[in-house]
Amino acid sequence: MSLAREQLPVVFEDVMVHQATILPMTGTVSLEARLLESSHTFEVSESGHLVVSGKVYQWEDPDPRLFDHQESPATSPGEPFSLAYTEVHRELSLHGYDYSPQFQGILEASVEGNWGKLLWKDNWVPFLDTMLQMSILGMGQGSVFLPTRITAIHLNGNLQLELAQVLAQDRSELPEDPLPSHLLDSPALKACVDTALENMTSLKMKVVEVLAGHGHLYSRIPGLLNTLQLSYTATDCYPQALEAAQAKLQLHDIA
């Protein structure tokens, strides 16, 4: 069976990070990758210096049970001892880790970092980095940790794609994220919005919501801005995520 690169199940083993690679704000960094097919070993070098080495091979017969949860977390999402999105990244910042928005993928997590809800954005790089960020939450402050060795990583891209599609279709049935729902119900926010609207010189506003299949803000924002001539567009990387909400979108005249 022929699979696209993003769907191919692979295994990384005995990965060693020999040195860090500093990426500049502008420009590019050239890396050289070598793979020995007979031994499945690989090396990545920068300017002749070894950066990463290990083994990688196709996962011929993926066992889906490998991804089963062996035991339930002591704390469930939404309970008092869980951290919401802003609290997670504030905690990481206190540890000395300031991530750009592309790498802020922890939506909710326990204080100990033993469970979390991670954002999948069709990109393995920030997703795997987000997994590493989870391990930081349970560590004490005062030190910055960098990964130097990975025993094994099993990636089933085909299964990941299937789960992402299922999640996109079922997102409308999931409970709302407590952060935006509580914020949008806040009297303080309504007072701030009303004050801003009263001082606007134009009654026209254009709003574009991304990842609308996850946030569902299209059902709340138009009500807050009902005194304006509002042009509202809801988008999502998975078009099917908004199929179930078409009636609601049409009701609010949302593109």
C-alpha atoms as a PDB file:
ATOM      1  CA  MET A   1       0.000   0.000   0.000  1.00  0.00           C
ATOM      2  CA  SER A   2       1.380   3.397  -1.022  1.00  0.00           C
ATOM      3  CA  LEU A   3       1.017   6.127   1.600  1.00  0.00           C
ATOM      4  CA  ALA A   4       1.868   9.805   1.546  1.00  0.00           C
ATOM      5  CA  ARG A   5       4.852  10.837   3.649  1.00  0.00           C
ATOM      6  CA  GLU A   6       2.607  12.442   6.284  1.00  0.00           C
ATOM      7  CA  GLN A   7       0.614   9.206   6.671  1.00  0.00           C
ATOM      8  CA  LEU A   8       3.507   6.734   6.779  1.00  0.00           C
ATOM      9  CA  PRO A   9       3.873   5.006  10.195  1.00  0.00           C
ATOM     10  CA  VAL A  10       7.486   5.326  11.360  1.00  0.00           C
ATOM     11  CA  VAL A  11       9.576   4.599  14.445  1.00  0.00           C
ATOM     12  CA  PHE A  12      12.522   6.622  15.738  1.00  0.00           C
ATOM     13  CA  GLU A  13      14.872   4.859  18.177  1.00  0.00           C
ATOM     14  CA  ASP A  14      17.994   5.782  20.174  1.00  0.00           C
ATOM     15  CA  VAL A  15      17.909   9.376  19.009  1.00  0.00           C
ATOM     16  CA  MET A  16      20.826  11.425  20.341  1.00  0.00           C
ATOM     17  CA  VAL A  17      21.006  15.215  20.165  1.00  0.00           C
ATOM     18  CA  HIS A  18      24.718  16.010  19.984  1.00  0.00           C
ATOM     19  CA  GLN A  19      24.511  19.784  19.746  1.00  0.00           C
ATOM     20  CA  ALA A  20      21.932  22.540  19.446  1.00  0.00           C
ATOM     21  CA  THR A  21      21.281  24.304  16.158  1.00  0.00           C
ATOM     22  CA  ILE A  22      20.561  28.011  16.428  1.00  0.00           C
ATOM     23  CA  LEU A  23      18.025  29.218  13.888  1.00  0.00           C
ATOM     24  CA  PRO A  24      18.426  32.867  12.857  1.00  0.00           C
ATOM     25  CA  MET A  25      15.500  35.288  12.739  1.00  0.00           C
ATOM     26  CA  THR A  26      16.119  35.682   9.000  1.00  0.00           C
ATOM     27  CA  GLY A  27      17.850  33.541   6.420  1.00  0.00           C
ATOM     28  CA  THR A  28      18.246  29.756   6.328  1.00  0.00           C
ATOM     29  CA  VAL A  29      20.311  27.006   7.939  1.00  0.00           C
ATOM     30  CA  SER A  30      21.591  24.161   5.741  1.00  0.00           C
ATOM     31  CA  LEU A  31      21.421  20.664   7.232  1.00  0.00           C
ATOM     32  CA  GLU A  32      22.725  17.457   5.666  1.00  0.00           C
ATOM     33  CA  ALA A  33      20.854  14.202   6.335  1.00  0.00           C
ATOM     34  CA  ARG A  34      22.328  10.745   5.718  1.00  0.00           C
ATOM     35  CA  LEU A  35      20.425   7.459   5.941  1.00  0.00           C
ATOM     36  CA  LEU A  36      21.874   3.939   5.806  1.00  0.00           C
ATOM     37  CA  GLU A  37      18.981   1.773   4.658  1.00  0.00           C
ATOM     38  CA  SER A  38      20.618  -1.502   5.711  1.00  0.00           C
ATOM     39  CA  SER A  39      20.958  -0.492   9.386  1.00  0.00           C
ATOM     40  CA  HIS A  40      18.214   2.198   9.428  1.00  0.00           C
ATOM     41  CA  THR A  41      20.670   4.580  11.071  1.00  0.00           C
ATOM     42  CA  PHE A  42      20.606   8.270  10.233  1.00  0.00           C
ATOM     43  CA  GLU A  43      22.740  11.323  10.890  1.00  0.00           C
ATOM     44  CA  VAL A  44      21.961  15.022  10.539  1.00  0.00           C
ATOM     45  CA  SER A  45      24.916  17.419  10.295  1.00  0.00           C
ATOM     46  CA  GLU A  46      25.423  21.164  10.114  1.00  0.00           C
ATOM     47  CA  SER A  47      28.595  22.492   8.484  1.00  0.00           C
ATOM     48  CA  GLY A  48      30.253  19.098   8.986  1.00  0.00           C
ATOM     49  CA  HIS A  49      29.322  18.864  12.686  1.00  0.00           C
ATOM     50  CA  LEU A  50      27.058  16.042  13.853  1.00  0.00           C
ATOM     51  CA  VAL A  51      23.779  17.417  15.220  1.00  0.00           C
ATOM     52  CA  VAL A  52      21.470  14.389  15.623  1.00  0.00           C
ATOM     53  CA  SER A  53      21.853  10.637  15.138  1.00  0.00           C
ATOM     54  CA  GLY A  54      19.638   7.611  15.636  1.00  0.00           C
ATOM     55  CA  LYS A  55      17.584   4.957  13.885  1.00  0.00           C
ATOM     56  CA  VAL A  56      14.422   5.396  11.804  1.00  0.00           C
ATOM     57  CA  TYR A  57      12.382   2.816   9.948  1.00  0.00           C
ATOM     58  CA  GLN A  58       8.908   2.189   8.621  1.00  0.00           C
ATOM     59  CA  TRP A  59       6.516   0.765  11.180  1.00  0.00           C
ATOM     60  CA  GLU A  60       5.336  -2.272   9.250  1.00  0.00           C
ATOM     61  CA  ASP A  61       2.522  -3.489  11.489  1.00  0.00           C
ATOM     62  CA  PRO A  62       1.355  -0.694  13.829  1.00  0.00           C
ATOM     63  CA  ASP A  63      -0.363  -1.916  16.983  1.00  0.00           C
ATOM     64  CA  PRO A  64      -3.148   0.594  17.825  1.00  0.00           C
ATOM     65  CA  ARG A  65      -3.155  -0.653  21.437  1.00  0.00           C
ATOM     66  CA  LEU A  66       0.193   1.073  21.913  1.00  0.00           C
ATOM     67  CA  PHE A  67      -1.692   4.375  22.074  1.00  0.00           C
ATOM     68  CA  ASP A  68      -4.315   3.187  24.566  1.00  0.00           C
ATOM     69  CA  HIS A  69      -4.341   4.938  27.946  1.00  0.00           C
ATOM     70  CA  GLN A  70      -3.250   2.464  30.589  1.00  0.00           C
ATOM     71  CA  GLU A  71      -4.878   4.357  33.415  1.00  0.00           C
ATOM     72  CA  SER A  72      -7.062   7.424  33.833  1.00  0.00           C
ATOM     73  CA  PRO A  73      -5.514  10.639  35.177  1.00  0.00           C
ATOM     74  CA  ALA A  74      -6.248  11.531  38.777  1.00  0.00           C
ATOM     75  CA  THR A  75      -7.628  14.895  37.664  1.00  0.00           C
ATOM     76  CA  SER A  76      -9.972  15.368  34.748  1.00  0.00           C
ATOM     77  CA  PRO A  77      -9.952  18.362  32.386  1.00  0.00           C
ATOM     78  CA  GLY A  78     -11.859  21.309  33.808  1.00  0.00           C
ATOM     79  CA  GLU A  79     -11.332  20.399  37.464  1.00  0.00           C
ATOM     80  CA  PRO A  80      -9.765  22.927  39.896  1.00  0.00           C
ATOM     81  CA  PHE A  81      -6.211  21.577  39.668  1.00  0.00           C
ATOM     82  CA  SER A  82      -5.959  21.759  35.879  1.00  0.00           C
ATOM     83  CA  LEU A  83      -4.318  24.627  34.011  1.00  0.00           C
ATOM     84  CA  ALA A  84      -6.117  26.418  31.191  1.00  0.00           C
ATOM     85  CA  TYR A  85      -4.353  27.601  28.024  1.00  0.00           C
ATOM     86  CA  THR A  86      -3.144  30.961  29.343  1.00  0.00           C
ATOM     87  CA  GLU A  87      -2.111  29.466  32.693  1.00  0.00           C
ATOM     88  CA  VAL A  88      -0.081  26.717  30.980  1.00  0.00           C
ATOM     89  CA  HIS A  89       1.949  29.131  28.901  1.00  0.00           C
ATOM     90  CA  ARG A  90       2.381  31.538  31.807  1.00  0.00           C
ATOM     91  CA  GLU A  91       3.808  28.618  33.781  1.00  0.00           C
ATOM     92  CA  LEU A  92       6.153  27.702  30.926  1.00  0.00           C
ATOM     93  CA  SER A  93       7.278  31.316  30.712  1.00  0.00           C
ATOM     94  CA  LEU A  94       8.106  31.259  34.422  1.00  0.00           C
ATOM     95  CA  HIS A  95      10.281  28.213  33.708  1.00  0.00           C
ATOM     96  CA  GLY A  96      12.161  30.260  31.093  1.00  0.00           C
ATOM     97  CA  TYR A  97      10.401  28.909  27.999  1.00  0.00           C
ATOM     98  CA  ASP A  98       8.864  31.605  25.789  1.00  0.00           C
ATOM     99  CA  TYR A  99       7.264  29.936  22.782  1.00  0.00           C
ATOM    100  CA  SER A 100       5.935  31.625  19.668  1.00  0.00           C
ATOM    101  CA  PRO A 101       2.211  31.159  18.911  1.00  0.00           C
ATOM    102  CA  GLN A 102       2.977  28.328  16.458  1.00  0.00           C
ATOM    103  CA  PHE A 103       4.397  26.282  19.349  1.00  0.00           C
ATOM    104  CA  GLN A 104       1.782  27.152  21.981  1.00  0.00           C
ATOM    105  CA  GLY A 105      -0.172  23.945  21.523  1.00  0.00           C
ATOM    106  CA  ILE A 106      -1.121  22.910  25.078  1.00  0.00           C
ATOM    107  CA  LEU A 107      -4.827  23.730  25.431  1.00  0.00           C
ATOM    108  CA  GLU A 108      -5.179  22.370  28.958  1.00  0.00           C
ATOM    109  CA  ALA A 109      -2.993  20.313  31.306  1.00  0.00           C
ATOM    110  CA  SER A 110      -2.606  19.066  34.845  1.00  0.00           C
ATOM    111  CA  VAL A 111      -0.256  20.914  37.178  1.00  0.00           C
ATOM    112  CA  GLU A 112       1.981  17.812  37.304  1.00  0.00           C
ATOM    113  CA  GLY A 113       2.092  17.558  33.523  1.00  0.00           C
ATOM    114  CA  ASN A 114       0.899  13.929  33.497  1.00  0.00           C
ATOM    115  CA  TRP A 115      -2.017  14.606  31.121  1.00  0.00           C
ATOM    116  CA  GLY A 116      -3.014  17.325  28.722  1.00  0.00           C
ATOM    117  CA  LYS A 117      -5.077  18.333  25.700  1.00  0.00           C
ATOM    118  CA  LEU A 118      -2.778  19.141  22.772  1.00  0.00           C
ATOM    119  CA  LEU A 119      -3.599  21.009  19.578  1.00  0.00           C
ATOM    120  CA  TRP A 120      -2.998  19.177  16.295  1.00  0.00           C
ATOM    121  CA  LYS A 121      -2.351  21.601  13.398  1.00  0.00           C
ATOM    122  CA  ASP A 122      -1.339  19.144  10.641  1.00  0.00           C
ATOM    123  CA  ASN A 123       2.316  19.564  11.558  1.00  0.00           C
ATOM    124  CA  TRP A 124       4.388  17.007  13.462  1.00  0.00           C
ATOM    125  CA  VAL A 125       7.114  19.499  14.480  1.00  0.00           C
ATOM    126  CA  PRO A 126       5.074  21.730  16.845  1.00  0.00           C
ATOM    127  CA  PHE A 127       2.975  18.737  17.952  1.00  0.00           C
ATOM    128  CA  LEU A 128       6.023  16.746  19.126  1.00  0.00           C
ATOM    129  CA  ASP A 129       7.524  19.872  20.682  1.00  0.00           C
ATOM    130  CA  THR A 130       4.266  20.356  22.579  1.00  0.00           C
ATOM    131  CA  MET A 131       4.631  16.838  23.975  1.00  0.00           C
ATOM    132  CA  LEU A 132       8.080  17.767  25.264  1.00  0.00           C
ATOM    133  CA  GLN A 133       6.617  20.901  26.827  1.00  0.00           C
ATOM    134  CA  MET A 134       4.282  18.704  28.874  1.00  0.00           C
ATOM    135  CA  SER A 135       7.252  17.174  30.694  1.00  0.00           C
ATOM    136  CA  ILE A 136       8.435  20.647  31.710  1.00  0.00           C
ATOM    137  CA  LEU A 137       5.271  21.408  33.695  1.00  0.00           C
ATOM    138  CA  GLY A 138       6.071  18.830  36.372  1.00  0.00           C
ATOM    139  CA  MET A 139       9.617  20.099  36.906  1.00  0.00           C
ATOM    140  CA  GLY A 140      10.694  22.713  39.418  1.00  0.00           C
ATOM    141  CA  GLN A 141      11.450  26.260  38.366  1.00  0.00           C
ATOM    142  CA  GLY A 142      14.955  27.659  38.134  1.00  0.00           C
ATOM    143  CA  SER A 143      16.479  25.451  35.435  1.00  0.00           C
ATOM    144  CA  VAL A 144      16.052  25.181  31.678  1.00  0.00           C
ATOM    145  CA  PHE A 145      15.991  21.631  30.341  1.00  0.00           C
ATOM    146  CA  LEU A 146      16.852  20.577  26.801  1.00  0.00           C
ATOM    147  CA  PRO A 147      16.229  17.093  25.360  1.00  0.00           C
ATOM    148  CA  THR A 148      19.414  15.172  24.593  1.00  0.00           C
ATOM    149  CA  ARG A 149      18.164  11.609  24.090  1.00  0.00           C
ATOM    150  CA  ILE A 150      14.931   9.940  22.993  1.00  0.00           C
ATOM    151  CA  THR A 151      14.589   6.205  23.518  1.00  0.00           C
ATOM    152  CA  ALA A 152      11.736   5.703  21.043  1.00  0.00           C
ATOM    153  CA  ILE A 153       8.963   7.557  19.246  1.00  0.00           C
ATOM    154  CA  HIS A 154       6.173   5.746  17.410  1.00  0.00           C
ATOM    155  CA  LEU A 155       4.366   7.914  14.857  1.00  0.00           C
ATOM    156  CA  ASN A 156       1.313   6.587  13.061  1.00  0.00           C
ATOM    157  CA  GLY A 157       0.538   9.337  10.571  1.00  0.00           C
ATOM    158  CA  ASN A 158      -2.335   7.418   9.002  1.00  0.00           C
ATOM    159  CA  LEU A 159      -4.047   6.945  12.388  1.00  0.00           C
ATOM    160  CA  GLN A 160      -3.330  10.566  13.328  1.00  0.00           C
ATOM    161  CA  LEU A 161      -5.045  11.774  10.160  1.00  0.00           C
ATOM    162  CA  GLU A 162      -8.064   9.563  10.761  1.00  0.00           C
ATOM    163  CA  LEU A 163      -8.412  10.752  14.367  1.00  0.00           C
ATOM    164  CA  ALA A 164      -8.078  14.387  13.296  1.00  0.00           C
ATOM    165  CA  GLN A 165     -10.876  13.958  10.760  1.00  0.00           C
ATOM    166  CA  VAL A 166     -13.127  12.238  13.293  1.00  0.00           C
ATOM    167  CA  LEU A 167     -12.428  14.945  15.857  1.00  0.00           C
ATOM    168  CA  ALA A 168     -13.170  17.661  13.315  1.00  0.00           C
ATOM    169  CA  GLN A 169     -16.562  16.078  12.580  1.00  0.00           C
ATOM    170  CA  ASP A 170     -17.428  15.616  16.256  1.00  0.00           C
ATOM    171  CA  ARG A 171     -16.140  18.934  17.594  1.00  0.00           C
ATOM    172  CA  SER A 172     -19.639  20.409  17.706  1.00  0.00           C
ATOM    173  CA  GLU A 173     -20.584  17.744  20.270  1.00  0.00           C
ATOM    174  CA  LEU A 174     -17.609  18.453  22.555  1.00  0.00           C
ATOM    175  CA  PRO A 175     -17.985  20.712  25.605  1.00  0.00           C
ATOM    176  CA  GLU A 176     -16.999  24.336  25.095  1.00  0.00           C
ATOM    177  CA  ASP A 177     -13.564  25.449  26.168  1.00  0.00           C
ATOM    178  CA  PRO A 178     -14.158  26.984  29.630  1.00  0.00           C
ATOM    179  CA  LEU A 179     -11.818  29.914  28.960  1.00  0.00           C
ATOM    180  CA  PRO A 180     -13.691  31.599  26.076  1.00  0.00           C
ATOM    181  CA  SER A 181     -17.136  30.617  27.351  1.00  0.00           C
ATOM    182  CA  HIS A 182     -16.514  32.148  30.789  1.00  0.00           C
ATOM    183  CA  LEU A 183     -14.805  35.174  29.284  1.00  0.00           C
ATOM    184  CA  LEU A 184     -17.624  35.889  26.845  1.00  0.00           C
ATOM    185  CA  ASP A 185     -20.169  35.690  29.674  1.00  0.00           C
ATOM    186  CA  SER A 186     -18.213  38.191  31.751  1.00  0.00           C
ATOM    187  CA  PRO A 187     -20.097  41.446  32.569  1.00  0.00           C
ATOM    188  CA  ALA A 188     -16.730  43.221  32.606  1.00  0.00           C
ATOM    189  CA  LEU A 189     -16.073  42.229  28.988  1.00  0.00           C
ATOM    190  CA  LYS A 190     -19.542  43.380  27.922  1.00  0.00           C
ATOM    191  CA  ALA A 191     -18.962  46.724  29.610  1.00  0.00           C
ATOM    192  CA  CYS A 192     -15.629  47.127  27.792  1.00  0.00           C
ATOM    193  CA  VAL A 193     -17.203  46.193  24.441  1.00  0.00           C
ATOM    194  CA  ASP A 194     -20.127  48.585  24.959  1.00  0.00           C
ATOM    195  CA  THR A 195     -17.721  51.410  25.810  1.00  0.00           C
ATOM    196  CA  ALA A 196     -15.646  50.713  22.696  1.00  0.00           C
ATOM    197  CA  LEU A 197     -18.733  50.557  20.481  1.00  0.00           C
ATOM    198  CA  GLU A 198     -20.043  53.884  21.798  1.00  0.00           C
ATOM    199  CA  ASN A 199     -16.783  55.578  20.804  1.00  0.00           C
ATOM    200  CA  MET A 200     -16.420  54.063  17.338  1.00  0.00           C
ATOM    201  CA  THR A 201     -16.640  56.437  14.395  1.00  0.00           C
ATOM    202  CA  SER A 202     -17.701  53.679  12.008  1.00  0.00           C
ATOM    203  CA  LEU A 203     -20.429  51.106  12.471  1.00  0.00           C
ATOM    204  CA  LYS A 204     -18.745  48.593  10.159  1.00  0.00           C
ATOM    205  CA  MET A 205     -16.481  45.780  11.347  1.00  0.00           C
ATOM    206  CA  LYS A 206     -14.949  42.748   9.648  1.00  0.00           C
ATOM    207  CA  VAL A 207     -14.111  39.643  11.727  1.00  0.00           C
ATOM    208  CA  VAL A 208     -12.417  36.437  10.537  1.00  0.00           C
ATOM    209  CA  GLU A 209     -12.440  33.487  12.966  1.00  0.00           C
ATOM    210  CA  VAL A 210      -9.842  30.765  12.338  1.00  0.00           C
ATOM    211  CA  LEU A 211     -10.215  27.207  13.676  1.00  0.00           C
ATOM    212  CA  ALA A 212     -13.905  27.988  14.079  1.00  0.00           C
ATOM    213  CA  GLY A 213     -14.706  24.282  14.296  1.00  0.00           C
ATOM    214  CA  HIS A 214     -12.837  24.264  17.603  1.00  0.00           C
ATOM    215  CA  GLY A 215     -13.644  27.669  19.089  1.00  0.00           C
ATOM    216  CA  HIS A 216     -17.315  28.064  18.015  1.00  0.00           C
ATOM    217  CA  LEU A 217     -16.978  31.805  18.661  1.00  0.00           C
ATOM    218  CA  TYR A 218     -19.246  32.459  15.674  1.00  0.00           C
ATOM    219  CA  SER A 219     -22.181  31.599  17.941  1.00  0.00           C
ATOM    220  CA  ARG A 220     -21.200  34.242  20.514  1.00  0.00           C
ATOM    221  CA  ILE A 221     -19.370  37.164  18.893  1.00  0.00           C
ATOM    222  CA  PRO A 222     -22.188  38.399  16.597  1.00  0.00           C
ATOM    223  CA  GLY A 223     -24.411  38.766  19.655  1.00  0.00           C
ATOM    224  CA  LEU A 224     -21.834  40.941  21.384  1.00  0.00           C
ATOM    225  CA  LEU A 225     -21.487  43.142  18.308  1.00  0.00           C
ATOM    226  CA  ASN A 226     -25.137  43.247  17.257  1.00  0.00           C
ATOM    227  CA  THR A 227     -25.177  47.055  16.996  1.00  0.00           C
ATOM    228  CA  LEU A 228     -22.627  46.972  14.165  1.00  0.00           C
ATOM    229  CA  GLN A 229     -22.786  46.198  10.480  1.00  0.00           C
ATOM    230  CA  LEU A 230     -20.779  43.053  10.982  1.00  0.00           C
ATOM    231  CA  SER A 231     -19.051  41.040   8.255  1.00  0.00           C
ATOM    232  CA  TYR A 232     -18.145  37.728   9.922  1.00  0.00           C
ATOM    233  CA  THR A 233     -16.243  34.845   8.310  1.00  0.00           C
ATOM    234  CA  ALA A 234     -15.687  31.477  10.016  1.00  0.00           C
ATOM    235  CA  THR A 235     -12.892  29.239   8.697  1.00  0.00           C
ATOM    236  CA  ASP A 236     -11.293  25.935   9.652  1.00  0.00           C
ATOM    237  CA  CYS A 237      -8.480  23.796   8.202  1.00  0.00           C
ATOM    238  CA  TYR A 238     -11.015  20.946   8.053  1.00  0.00           C
ATOM    239  CA  PRO A 239     -14.065  22.154   6.086  1.00  0.00           C
ATOM    240  CA  GLN A 240     -16.113  19.251   7.428  1.00  0.00           C
ATOM    241  CA  ALA A 241     -15.705  20.696  10.928  1.00  0.00           C
ATOM    242  CA  LEU A 242     -18.222  23.405   9.992  1.00  0.00           C
ATOM    243  CA  GLU A 243     -20.649  21.260   8.000  1.00  0.00           C
ATOM    244  CA  ALA A 244     -22.777  20.442  11.045  1.00  0.00           C
ATOM    245  CA  ALA A 245     -22.965  24.135  11.943  1.00  0.00           C
ATOM    246  CA  GLN A 246     -24.156  25.420   8.558  1.00  0.00           C
ATOM    247  CA  ALA A 247     -27.674  26.165   9.848  1.00  0.00           C
ATOM    248  CA  LYS A 248     -26.278  28.225  12.726  1.00  0.00           C
ATOM    249  CA  LEU A 249     -23.850  30.019  10.429  1.00  0.00           C
ATOM    250  CA  GLN A 250     -26.667  30.955   8.040  1.00  0.00           C
ATOM    251  CA  LEU A 251     -28.789  32.123  10.965  1.00  0.00           C
ATOM    252  CA  HIS A 252     -26.076  34.642  11.912  1.00  0.00           C
ATOM    253  CA  ASP A 253     -25.375  35.487   8.231  1.00  0.00           C
ATOM    254  CA  ILE A 254     -21.814  34.156   8.547  1.00  0.00           C
ATOM    255  CA  ALA A 255     -19.742  33.239   5.531  1.00  0.00           C
END
